[in-house]
Amino acid sequence: MRITREWTAVVAAVRAGAANRLAGAFRAALCVAVPLTVGAAAGHLEMGAAASFGALSVVYVPQSPYRYRSRTVAAVGAGLVLAVLLGGLVSLHPWWAVVVSGLVAGLASFVCQAVELPPPRELMLVLALLVATDVPATPAEAATRAAFAAAGAVLAWVVTMAPALWG
């Protein structure tokens, strides 16, 4: 009986917060789907995926004041671009990939905790780096992927800030 009441409370809490979360979920879906769609249509799904990594910055601080949200999404977007670039640069060198991944994970965790960034904190940064290390790339290819990630980060910033025009 007690478990039933607890689950009922959880379901009620999820339902109560769902309306507030819908806009953020829509923005996240848009920012991931648009680059992937463009990449698929152009015959370069991998570049669409790289852009989607930059666009993941849209999931940060979705209900914060726009001034804070603007800075946070821009900073996380820049971090994602750097993670894609670094991961690509070390992708052909396994031991460098180990060292760089460990250092980036530690540094990202420290910085995100120091500035009290709420979840997903460093998760997306480390994930972008690790995925980029798994896709072999020359330095030129790594830079190209980072440029696409930057385009995705710009998309995320624009989508994040667009509601401020109507608010």
Foldseek 3Di string as FASTA:
>chain_A
DVVVVVVVVVVVVCVVCVVVCVLLVVLLCVLLVVLQVVCVVVVHNVLSNLQNLLLNLLNFPLPDPLVVSLVSLLVVSVLLLVLLLCLQDCLVPVVSLVVVLVVLLVVQQVVQVVVVGDPPRCVSSSVSNVVSSPDHHHNVRSNSSSVSSNVSSVSSSCSSCVVVVVD
